[in-house]
Amino acid sequence: MMTPELSATTIQQQAVFAKYGITKARYFANVANMDIQGVDVKLNNSNNLSSSSKIDFGVWFHYNENKLNDSVSTQECTTKTMLEDGQPKASLRFLTNYKYKKINTALNITRYGAYKQAIDGMSYKFDPEWTTDLDISYNISKSFKASIGGINIFDAIPNKWDGLDGDYYGANGIKPYSRYSPFGYSGAYYYLRLSAKF
């Protein structure tokens, strides 16, 4: 079996990496000609209820359209779908933060819009979903704070690949959910935390 020869550039890069003890490197390149248009709207409001309490509200909305200008073949449908529809076009967030003396409560509710993924040239749609995050903290002192809370506390799960089955996809596969879900697929995460600041 013949091993392909390394280019002079590759050899030079490996020499530089070895000099600094680097075994792997990763870089990102803008390899697609795309038009991206969108809008971000953020409305925030803060109110002092008393000398010891305060409440903040926020409504954030995001929308964008991605369009790939390069022509793609049927085999490249997966890439086109990922670039144009791989993430939700729209998201909506409601943020609330209430502070009373040493107690602080944060409640965030987010709606992620629909998105698509493609396999073997066929596109699959994933439904919109709501998630809720909650954090309650108590300032024990100027240096110590205790917190309890959770991310995605109602255990929202993205819908599974529709009708796919096999080693990697489908109800009996090892990856029933899209790995590109904007809020993951691990469900709820709860925590109890003690933090210190010096």
C-alpha atoms as a PDB file:
ATOM      1  CA  MET A   1       0.000   0.000   0.000  1.00  0.00           C
ATOM      2  CA  MET A   2       1.504   3.333  -1.038  1.00  0.00           C
ATOM      3  CA  THR A   3       1.511   6.264   1.333  1.00  0.00           C
ATOM      4  CA  PRO A   4       0.760   9.630  -0.342  1.00  0.00           C
ATOM      5  CA  GLU A   5       3.634  12.073  -0.237  1.00  0.00           C
ATOM      6  CA  LEU A   6       3.299  15.062   2.065  1.00  0.00           C
ATOM      7  CA  SER A   7       3.461  18.505   0.533  1.00  0.00           C
ATOM      8  CA  ALA A   8       6.233  20.924   1.486  1.00  0.00           C
ATOM      9  CA  THR A   9       3.647  23.119   3.236  1.00  0.00           C
ATOM     10  CA  THR A  10       2.371  20.203   5.325  1.00  0.00           C
ATOM     11  CA  ILE A  11       5.906  19.234   6.341  1.00  0.00           C
ATOM     12  CA  GLN A  12       6.641  22.828   7.352  1.00  0.00           C
ATOM     13  CA  GLN A  13       3.442  22.991   9.408  1.00  0.00           C
ATOM     14  CA  GLN A  14       4.284  19.743  11.201  1.00  0.00           C
ATOM     15  CA  ALA A  15       7.757  21.078  12.006  1.00  0.00           C
ATOM     16  CA  VAL A  16       6.269  24.227  13.549  1.00  0.00           C
ATOM     17  CA  PHE A  17       3.702  22.205  15.522  1.00  0.00           C
ATOM     18  CA  ALA A  18       6.367  19.835  16.853  1.00  0.00           C
ATOM     19  CA  LYS A  19       8.516  22.766  17.958  1.00  0.00           C
ATOM     20  CA  TYR A  20       5.783  23.901  20.345  1.00  0.00           C
ATOM     21  CA  GLY A  21       4.591  20.433  21.350  1.00  0.00           C
ATOM     22  CA  ILE A  22       1.352  20.708  19.326  1.00  0.00           C
ATOM     23  CA  THR A  23       0.030  17.408  17.998  1.00  0.00           C
ATOM     24  CA  LYS A  24      -3.225  18.650  16.431  1.00  0.00           C
ATOM     25  CA  ALA A  25      -4.569  21.921  15.088  1.00  0.00           C
ATOM     26  CA  ARG A  26      -7.984  23.020  13.878  1.00  0.00           C
ATOM     27  CA  TYR A  27      -8.947  26.080  11.907  1.00  0.00           C
ATOM     28  CA  PHE A  28     -12.089  27.498  10.371  1.00  0.00           C
ATOM     29  CA  ALA A  29     -12.366  28.915   6.881  1.00  0.00           C
ATOM     30  CA  ASN A  30     -15.126  30.790   5.106  1.00  0.00           C
ATOM     31  CA  VAL A  31     -15.531  28.379   2.204  1.00  0.00           C
ATOM     32  CA  ALA A  32     -19.110  29.212   1.204  1.00  0.00           C
ATOM     33  CA  ASN A  33     -20.560  32.219  -0.596  1.00  0.00           C
ATOM     34  CA  MET A  34     -23.608  33.100   1.486  1.00  0.00           C
ATOM     35  CA  ASP A  35     -26.058  35.921   2.028  1.00  0.00           C
ATOM     36  CA  ILE A  36     -27.161  36.300   5.658  1.00  0.00           C
ATOM     37  CA  GLN A  37     -29.907  38.713   6.652  1.00  0.00           C
ATOM     38  CA  GLY A  38     -31.637  39.004   9.978  1.00  0.00           C
ATOM     39  CA  VAL A  39     -32.754  41.102  12.886  1.00  0.00           C
ATOM     40  CA  ASP A  40     -32.132  41.157  16.641  1.00  0.00           C
ATOM     41  CA  VAL A  41     -34.569  42.939  18.954  1.00  0.00           C
ATOM     42  CA  LYS A  42     -33.915  43.274  22.684  1.00  0.00           C
ATOM     43  CA  LEU A  43     -36.368  44.961  25.062  1.00  0.00           C
ATOM     44  CA  ASN A  44     -35.174  45.327  28.663  1.00  0.00           C
ATOM     45  CA  ASN A  45     -36.906  46.878  31.650  1.00  0.00           C
ATOM     46  CA  SER A  46     -35.659  47.384  35.208  1.00  0.00           C
ATOM     47  CA  ASN A  47     -37.751  48.338  38.240  1.00  0.00           C
ATOM     48  CA  ASN A  48     -36.774  49.099  41.838  1.00  0.00           C
ATOM     49  CA  LEU A  49     -39.698  47.807  43.898  1.00  0.00           C
ATOM     50  CA  SER A  50     -38.225  49.031  47.166  1.00  0.00           C
ATOM     51  CA  SER A  51     -34.866  49.909  48.704  1.00  0.00           C
ATOM     52  CA  SER A  52     -34.067  46.203  49.019  1.00  0.00           C
ATOM     53  CA  SER A  53     -35.770  44.633  45.996  1.00  0.00           C
ATOM     54  CA  LYS A  54     -35.417  44.946  42.245  1.00  0.00           C
ATOM     55  CA  ILE A  55     -36.892  43.129  39.249  1.00  0.00           C
ATOM     56  CA  ASP A  56     -35.576  43.048  35.676  1.00  0.00           C
ATOM     57  CA  PHE A  57     -37.439  41.869  32.590  1.00  0.00           C
ATOM     58  CA  GLY A  58     -36.197  41.164  29.107  1.00  0.00           C
ATOM     59  CA  VAL A  59     -37.709  40.004  25.818  1.00  0.00           C
ATOM     60  CA  TRP A  60     -35.191  39.071  23.128  1.00  0.00           C
ATOM     61  CA  PHE A  61     -36.073  38.053  19.590  1.00  0.00           C
ATOM     62  CA  HIS A  62     -33.722  36.838  16.862  1.00  0.00           C
ATOM     63  CA  TYR A  63     -34.449  35.991  13.228  1.00  0.00           C
ATOM     64  CA  ASN A  64     -32.127  35.329  10.314  1.00  0.00           C
ATOM     65  CA  GLU A  65     -32.224  33.923   6.790  1.00  0.00           C
ATOM     66  CA  ASN A  66     -29.188  32.111   5.357  1.00  0.00           C
ATOM     67  CA  LYS A  67     -28.922  31.654   1.610  1.00  0.00           C
ATOM     68  CA  LEU A  68     -26.165  29.676  -0.092  1.00  0.00           C
ATOM     69  CA  ASN A  69     -25.306  31.340  -3.402  1.00  0.00           C
ATOM     70  CA  ASP A  70     -23.079  28.548  -4.672  1.00  0.00           C
ATOM     71  CA  SER A  71     -24.790  25.844  -6.745  1.00  0.00           C
ATOM     72  CA  VAL A  72     -24.618  22.407  -5.140  1.00  0.00           C
ATOM     73  CA  SER A  73     -25.173  18.890  -6.438  1.00  0.00           C
ATOM     74  CA  THR A  74     -27.664  16.426  -5.017  1.00  0.00           C
ATOM     75  CA  GLN A  75     -24.837  14.769  -3.098  1.00  0.00           C
ATOM     76  CA  GLU A  76     -24.107  18.109  -1.399  1.00  0.00           C
ATOM     77  CA  CYS A  77     -27.688  18.549  -0.213  1.00  0.00           C
ATOM     78  CA  THR A  78     -26.588  17.741   3.327  1.00  0.00           C
ATOM     79  CA  THR A  79     -24.179  20.684   3.360  1.00  0.00           C
ATOM     80  CA  LYS A  80     -26.746  23.060   1.851  1.00  0.00           C
ATOM     81  CA  THR A  81     -29.379  22.060   4.404  1.00  0.00           C
ATOM     82  CA  MET A  82     -26.896  22.439   7.271  1.00  0.00           C
ATOM     83  CA  LEU A  83     -25.821  25.930   6.156  1.00  0.00           C
ATOM     84  CA  GLU A  84     -29.290  27.274   5.344  1.00  0.00           C
ATOM     85  CA  ASP A  85     -31.592  25.478   7.790  1.00  0.00           C
ATOM     86  CA  GLY A  86     -29.344  23.604  10.237  1.00  0.00           C
ATOM     87  CA  GLN A  87     -30.177  26.013  13.070  1.00  0.00           C
ATOM     88  CA  PRO A  88     -33.491  27.678  13.960  1.00  0.00           C
ATOM     89  CA  LYS A  89     -34.212  30.785  11.932  1.00  0.00           C
ATOM     90  CA  ALA A  90     -35.998  32.311  14.917  1.00  0.00           C
ATOM     91  CA  SER A  91     -35.597  32.254  18.681  1.00  0.00           C
ATOM     92  CA  LEU A  92     -37.526  34.052  21.425  1.00  0.00           C
ATOM     93  CA  ARG A  93     -36.371  34.555  25.023  1.00  0.00           C
ATOM     94  CA  PHE A  94     -38.149  35.830  28.122  1.00  0.00           C
ATOM     95  CA  LEU A  95     -35.744  36.742  30.913  1.00  0.00           C
ATOM     96  CA  THR A  96     -36.656  37.622  34.492  1.00  0.00           C
ATOM     97  CA  ASN A  97     -34.355  38.440  37.384  1.00  0.00           C
ATOM     98  CA  TYR A  98     -35.694  39.258  40.857  1.00  0.00           C
ATOM     99  CA  LYS A  99     -33.430  40.398  43.675  1.00  0.00           C
ATOM    100  CA  TYR A 100     -34.536  40.723  47.286  1.00  0.00           C
ATOM    101  CA  LYS A 101     -31.870  41.519  49.855  1.00  0.00           C
ATOM    102  CA  LYS A 102     -29.451  38.548  49.691  1.00  0.00           C
ATOM    103  CA  ILE A 103     -31.638  36.371  47.463  1.00  0.00           C
ATOM    104  CA  ASN A 104     -31.474  36.466  43.666  1.00  0.00           C
ATOM    105  CA  THR A 105     -33.833  34.507  41.389  1.00  0.00           C
ATOM    106  CA  ALA A 106     -33.362  34.191  37.624  1.00  0.00           C
ATOM    107  CA  LEU A 107     -35.969  32.594  35.351  1.00  0.00           C
ATOM    108  CA  ASN A 108     -35.343  32.318  31.599  1.00  0.00           C
ATOM    109  CA  ILE A 109     -37.752  30.808  29.073  1.00  0.00           C
ATOM    110  CA  THR A 110     -36.613  30.211  25.497  1.00  0.00           C
ATOM    111  CA  ARG A 111     -38.388  29.102  22.342  1.00  0.00           C
ATOM    112  CA  TYR A 112     -36.202  27.614  19.612  1.00  0.00           C
ATOM    113  CA  GLY A 113     -37.735  27.519  16.158  1.00  0.00           C
ATOM    114  CA  ALA A 114     -37.800  24.585  13.726  1.00  0.00           C
ATOM    115  CA  TYR A 115     -34.649  23.451  11.939  1.00  0.00           C
ATOM    116  CA  LYS A 116     -33.633  20.783   9.434  1.00  0.00           C
ATOM    117  CA  GLN A 117     -30.959  18.144   8.947  1.00  0.00           C
ATOM    118  CA  ALA A 118     -30.250  15.992   5.906  1.00  0.00           C
ATOM    119  CA  ILE A 119     -29.024  12.433   5.407  1.00  0.00           C
ATOM    120  CA  ASP A 120     -28.312  10.846   2.038  1.00  0.00           C
ATOM    121  CA  GLY A 121     -29.811  13.794   0.199  1.00  0.00           C
ATOM    122  CA  MET A 122     -33.100  13.712   2.135  1.00  0.00           C
ATOM    123  CA  SER A 123     -34.117  16.565   4.452  1.00  0.00           C
ATOM    124  CA  TYR A 124     -35.731  15.976   7.865  1.00  0.00           C
ATOM    125  CA  LYS A 125     -37.512  18.641   9.921  1.00  0.00           C
ATOM    126  CA  PHE A 126     -37.186  18.997  13.696  1.00  0.00           C
ATOM    127  CA  ASP A 127     -39.969  20.757  15.589  1.00  0.00           C
ATOM    128  CA  PRO A 128     -39.783  23.965  17.664  1.00  0.00           C
ATOM    129  CA  GLU A 129     -39.313  23.542  21.400  1.00  0.00           C
ATOM    130  CA  TRP A 130     -39.497  25.540  24.655  1.00  0.00           C
ATOM    131  CA  THR A 131     -36.923  25.298  27.451  1.00  0.00           C
ATOM    132  CA  THR A 132     -36.900  26.797  30.956  1.00  0.00           C
ATOM    133  CA  ASP A 133     -33.879  27.630  33.140  1.00  0.00           C
ATOM    134  CA  LEU A 134     -34.083  28.561  36.820  1.00  0.00           C
ATOM    135  CA  ASP A 135     -31.430  29.725  39.283  1.00  0.00           C
ATOM    136  CA  ILE A 136     -31.944  30.742  42.935  1.00  0.00           C
ATOM    137  CA  SER A 137     -28.918  32.036  44.817  1.00  0.00           C
ATOM    138  CA  TYR A 138     -28.228  33.314  48.316  1.00  0.00           C
ATOM    139  CA  ASN A 139     -25.315  35.550  49.261  1.00  0.00           C
ATOM    140  CA  ILE A 140     -24.036  33.987  52.458  1.00  0.00           C
ATOM    141  CA  SER A 141     -21.406  36.702  52.782  1.00  0.00           C
ATOM    142  CA  LYS A 142     -19.398  39.029  50.554  1.00  0.00           C
ATOM    143  CA  SER A 143     -17.224  36.070  49.581  1.00  0.00           C
ATOM    144  CA  PHE A 144     -19.581  33.078  49.509  1.00  0.00           C
ATOM    145  CA  LYS A 145     -22.728  32.363  47.528  1.00  0.00           C
ATOM    146  CA  ALA A 146     -24.922  29.243  47.449  1.00  0.00           C
ATOM    147  CA  SER A 147     -27.059  28.446  44.396  1.00  0.00           C
ATOM    148  CA  ILE A 148     -29.610  25.855  43.404  1.00  0.00           C
ATOM    149  CA  GLY A 149     -31.194  25.557  40.003  1.00  0.00           C
ATOM    150  CA  GLY A 150     -31.485  23.762  36.734  1.00  0.00           C
ATOM    151  CA  ILE A 151     -31.102  24.079  32.994  1.00  0.00           C
ATOM    152  CA  ASN A 152     -34.056  22.855  30.929  1.00  0.00           C
ATOM    153  CA  ILE A 153     -35.860  22.055  34.183  1.00  0.00           C
ATOM    154  CA  PHE A 154     -38.944  20.598  32.480  1.00  0.00           C
ATOM    155  CA  ASP A 155     -36.785  18.092  30.599  1.00  0.00           C
ATOM    156  CA  ALA A 156     -37.601  19.156  27.033  1.00  0.00           C
ATOM    157  CA  ILE A 157     -36.250  16.694  24.457  1.00  0.00           C
ATOM    158  CA  PRO A 158     -35.984  17.296  20.692  1.00  0.00           C
ATOM    159  CA  ASN A 159     -38.044  15.013  18.496  1.00  0.00           C
ATOM    160  CA  LYS A 160     -36.247  12.027  16.982  1.00  0.00           C
ATOM    161  CA  TRP A 161     -35.234  11.395  13.398  1.00  0.00           C
ATOM    162  CA  ASP A 162     -38.465  10.690  11.532  1.00  0.00           C
ATOM    163  CA  GLY A 163     -38.632   7.147  10.148  1.00  0.00           C
ATOM    164  CA  LEU A 164     -34.907   6.441  10.209  1.00  0.00           C
ATOM    165  CA  ASP A 165     -33.525   3.248  11.673  1.00  0.00           C
ATOM    166  CA  GLY A 166     -30.062   1.738  11.737  1.00  0.00           C
ATOM    167  CA  ASP A 167     -26.708   1.861  13.470  1.00  0.00           C
ATOM    168  CA  TYR A 168     -26.623   5.612  13.969  1.00  0.00           C
ATOM    169  CA  TYR A 169     -30.163   6.885  13.548  1.00  0.00           C
ATOM    170  CA  GLY A 170     -33.692   5.909  14.449  1.00  0.00           C
ATOM    171  CA  ALA A 171     -35.470   4.550  17.503  1.00  0.00           C
ATOM    172  CA  ASN A 172     -33.187   1.531  17.761  1.00  0.00           C
ATOM    173  CA  GLY A 173     -29.992   3.383  16.850  1.00  0.00           C
ATOM    174  CA  ILE A 174     -27.369   4.836  19.135  1.00  0.00           C
ATOM    175  CA  LYS A 175     -28.091   8.422  18.064  1.00  0.00           C
ATOM    176  CA  PRO A 176     -31.880   8.934  17.905  1.00  0.00           C
ATOM    177  CA  TYR A 177     -31.578  12.745  18.109  1.00  0.00           C
ATOM    178  CA  SER A 178     -29.821  15.252  15.908  1.00  0.00           C
ATOM    179  CA  ARG A 179     -26.497  16.305  17.402  1.00  0.00           C
ATOM    180  CA  TYR A 180     -27.194  19.814  16.096  1.00  0.00           C
ATOM    181  CA  SER A 181     -30.177  20.364  18.381  1.00  0.00           C
ATOM    182  CA  PRO A 182     -29.842  23.973  19.627  1.00  0.00           C
ATOM    183  CA  PHE A 183     -30.506  22.900  23.225  1.00  0.00           C
ATOM    184  CA  GLY A 184     -28.861  19.475  23.148  1.00  0.00           C
ATOM    185  CA  TYR A 185     -30.600  16.159  23.731  1.00  0.00           C
ATOM    186  CA  SER A 186     -29.577  15.272  27.309  1.00  0.00           C
ATOM    187  CA  GLY A 187     -32.714  16.676  28.921  1.00  0.00           C
ATOM    188  CA  ALA A 188     -32.767  18.426  32.281  1.00  0.00           C
ATOM    189  CA  TYR A 189     -29.663  19.322  34.287  1.00  0.00           C
ATOM    190  CA  TYR A 190     -29.924  20.270  37.976  1.00  0.00           C
ATOM    191  CA  TYR A 191     -27.239  21.620  40.259  1.00  0.00           C
ATOM    192  CA  LEU A 192     -26.378  22.735  43.786  1.00  0.00           C
ATOM    193  CA  ARG A 193     -23.385  25.061  43.829  1.00  0.00           C
ATOM    194  CA  LEU A 194     -21.244  26.874  46.396  1.00  0.00           C
ATOM    195  CA  SER A 195     -19.008  29.590  44.982  1.00  0.00           C
ATOM    196  CA  ALA A 196     -16.313  31.712  46.604  1.00  0.00           C
ATOM    197  CA  LYS A 197     -14.862  35.064  45.554  1.00  0.00           C
ATOM    198  CA  PHE A 198     -11.654  36.463  47.032  1.00  0.00           C
END
